[in-house]
Structures are given as structure tokens and as C-alpha cells.
């Protein structure tokens, strides 16, 4: 298993891959603080176990200064082969 830090800004997706969840979370929170300082607004935070789907949901929904929707999220990743 690995963790994917996914940033989606207006449909433009940038993914980074980490061995450890805590390293991905640390980077997400550092980047979130910088974005908030530059005028981005947090509209919602999700940090819970989705029992129906069987995975943890960790995501910040944001609004950019230009009015674009954005998300910062952590996703569990698995190799299929």
C-alpha cells in the first residue's frame, strides 16, 4: 500500500506518491497553510472512515481567489499486479 496526495484545481489534477501516510499528510498541511495565506478559503474538511466504501476519507475542499473549486486529498493506493 502507498498514499497518493492528490491536488485538484479546477479539474487539473496533480498527484504525488508516498510510502507513508504521515509524510503525505505533513506536506498537504504545509501546502494548505501556504494556500490559505495567499487567499484560498477552506469550504469543507472531511476526515472520517467511510464504512460503506471501506476506506478513510481525508480531504479539504477549497475555493481559490479566482473562484475555482479545488481539493487536497489523501488516497490509499494499491498495486493491481
C-alpha atoms as a PDB file:
ATOM      1  CA  UNK A   1       0.000   0.000   0.000  1.00  0.00           C
ATOM      2  CA  UNK A   2       1.011   3.602  -0.565  1.00  0.00           C
ATOM      3  CA  UNK A   3      -0.579   7.033  -0.174  1.00  0.00           C
ATOM      4  CA  UNK A   4      -1.465   9.381  -3.012  1.00  0.00           C
ATOM      5  CA  UNK A   5      -1.569  13.112  -2.272  1.00  0.00           C
ATOM      6  CA  UNK A   6      -3.913  14.466  -4.925  1.00  0.00           C
ATOM      7  CA  UNK A   7      -4.377  18.171  -5.648  1.00  0.00           C
ATOM      8  CA  UNK A   8      -7.252  19.061  -7.984  1.00  0.00           C
ATOM      9  CA  UNK A   9      -7.605  22.694  -9.030  1.00  0.00           C
ATOM     10  CA  UNK A  10     -10.409  23.334 -11.486  1.00  0.00           C
ATOM     11  CA  UNK A  11     -10.063  19.818 -12.917  1.00  0.00           C
ATOM     12  CA  UNK A  12      -6.269  19.985 -13.250  1.00  0.00           C
ATOM     13  CA  UNK A  13      -5.003  17.077 -11.170  1.00  0.00           C
ATOM     14  CA  UNK A  14      -1.511  16.739  -9.695  1.00  0.00           C
ATOM     15  CA  UNK A  15      -0.673  13.513  -7.846  1.00  0.00           C
ATOM     16  CA  UNK A  16       2.316  12.664  -5.640  1.00  0.00           C
ATOM     17  CA  UNK A  17       3.030   9.233  -4.200  1.00  0.00           C
ATOM     18  CA  UNK A  18       4.315   8.480  -0.689  1.00  0.00           C
ATOM     19  CA  UNK A  19       5.336   5.358   1.215  1.00  0.00           C
ATOM     20  CA  UNK A  20       3.962   6.797   4.471  1.00  0.00           C
ATOM     21  CA  UNK A  21       0.595   8.477   5.106  1.00  0.00           C
ATOM     22  CA  UNK A  22       2.131  10.811   7.727  1.00  0.00           C
ATOM     23  CA  UNK A  23       4.612  12.246   5.199  1.00  0.00           C
ATOM     24  CA  UNK A  24       1.833  12.897   2.686  1.00  0.00           C
ATOM     25  CA  UNK A  25      -0.334  14.475   5.384  1.00  0.00           C
ATOM     26  CA  UNK A  26       2.544  16.691   6.552  1.00  0.00           C
ATOM     27  CA  UNK A  27       3.086  18.038   3.031  1.00  0.00           C
ATOM     28  CA  UNK A  28      -0.655  18.541   2.459  1.00  0.00           C
ATOM     29  CA  UNK A  29      -0.984  20.561   5.679  1.00  0.00           C
ATOM     30  CA  UNK A  30       2.109  22.661   4.864  1.00  0.00           C
ATOM     31  CA  UNK A  31       0.769  23.453   1.407  1.00  0.00           C
ATOM     32  CA  UNK A  32      -2.702  24.148   2.815  1.00  0.00           C
ATOM     33  CA  UNK A  33      -1.294  26.782   5.190  1.00  0.00           C
ATOM     34  CA  UNK A  34       0.523  28.496   2.310  1.00  0.00           C
ATOM     35  CA  UNK A  35      -2.606  28.469   0.150  1.00  0.00           C
ATOM     36  CA  UNK A  36      -4.717  29.950   2.950  1.00  0.00           C
ATOM     37  CA  UNK A  37      -2.154  32.753   3.377  1.00  0.00           C
ATOM     38  CA  UNK A  38      -2.471  33.545  -0.337  1.00  0.00           C
ATOM     39  CA  UNK A  39      -6.265  33.880  -0.167  1.00  0.00           C
ATOM     40  CA  UNK A  40      -7.630  30.361  -0.681  1.00  0.00           C
ATOM     41  CA  UNK A  41     -10.655  29.544   1.510  1.00  0.00           C
ATOM     42  CA  UNK A  42     -11.409  26.161   3.082  1.00  0.00           C
ATOM     43  CA  UNK A  43     -15.075  25.347   2.452  1.00  0.00           C
ATOM     44  CA  UNK A  44     -15.144  21.844   3.943  1.00  0.00           C
ATOM     45  CA  UNK A  45     -12.901  19.283   5.634  1.00  0.00           C
ATOM     46  CA  UNK A  46     -13.581  15.542   5.568  1.00  0.00           C
ATOM     47  CA  UNK A  47     -11.632  13.269   7.928  1.00  0.00           C
ATOM     48  CA  UNK A  48     -13.572  10.056   8.578  1.00  0.00           C
ATOM     49  CA  UNK A  49     -13.904   6.379   7.872  1.00  0.00           C
ATOM     50  CA  UNK A  50     -16.430   5.666   5.128  1.00  0.00           C
ATOM     51  CA  UNK A  51     -17.812   2.364   6.375  1.00  0.00           C
ATOM     52  CA  UNK A  52     -19.927   1.772   3.264  1.00  0.00           C
ATOM     53  CA  UNK A  53     -16.941   2.048   0.935  1.00  0.00           C
ATOM     54  CA  UNK A  54     -14.357   0.651   3.352  1.00  0.00           C
ATOM     55  CA  UNK A  55     -11.728   3.404   3.221  1.00  0.00           C
ATOM     56  CA  UNK A  56     -10.655   6.552   5.046  1.00  0.00           C
ATOM     57  CA  UNK A  57     -11.744   9.897   3.541  1.00  0.00           C
ATOM     58  CA  UNK A  58      -9.301  12.756   4.111  1.00  0.00           C
ATOM     59  CA  UNK A  59      -9.940  15.845   2.023  1.00  0.00           C
ATOM     60  CA  UNK A  60     -10.021  19.627   2.117  1.00  0.00           C
ATOM     61  CA  UNK A  61     -12.370  21.399  -0.290  1.00  0.00           C
ATOM     62  CA  UNK A  62     -11.248  24.905  -1.156  1.00  0.00           C
ATOM     63  CA  UNK A  63     -12.128  27.942  -3.211  1.00  0.00           C
ATOM     64  CA  UNK A  64      -9.266  29.751  -4.968  1.00  0.00           C
ATOM     65  CA  UNK A  65      -9.052  33.562  -5.056  1.00  0.00           C
ATOM     66  CA  UNK A  66     -10.179  33.294  -8.717  1.00  0.00           C
ATOM     67  CA  UNK A  67     -13.315  31.355  -7.717  1.00  0.00           C
ATOM     68  CA  UNK A  68     -12.182  27.898  -8.864  1.00  0.00           C
ATOM     69  CA  UNK A  69     -13.084  24.820  -6.830  1.00  0.00           C
ATOM     70  CA  UNK A  70     -10.109  22.854  -5.542  1.00  0.00           C
ATOM     71  CA  UNK A  71      -9.437  19.804  -3.373  1.00  0.00           C
ATOM     72  CA  UNK A  72      -6.447  18.491  -1.478  1.00  0.00           C
ATOM     73  CA  UNK A  73      -6.890  14.831  -0.599  1.00  0.00           C
ATOM     74  CA  UNK A  74      -5.071  11.735   0.582  1.00  0.00           C
ATOM     75  CA  UNK A  75      -5.959   8.426  -1.045  1.00  0.00           C
ATOM     76  CA  UNK A  76      -4.902   4.860  -0.314  1.00  0.00           C
ATOM     77  CA  UNK A  77      -3.176   3.291  -3.316  1.00  0.00           C
ATOM     78  CA  UNK A  78      -2.562  -0.358  -4.123  1.00  0.00           C
ATOM     79  CA  UNK A  79      -0.712  -2.133  -6.898  1.00  0.00           C
ATOM     80  CA  UNK A  80      -3.050  -4.195  -9.070  1.00  0.00           C
ATOM     81  CA  UNK A  81      -0.500  -6.769 -10.279  1.00  0.00           C
END
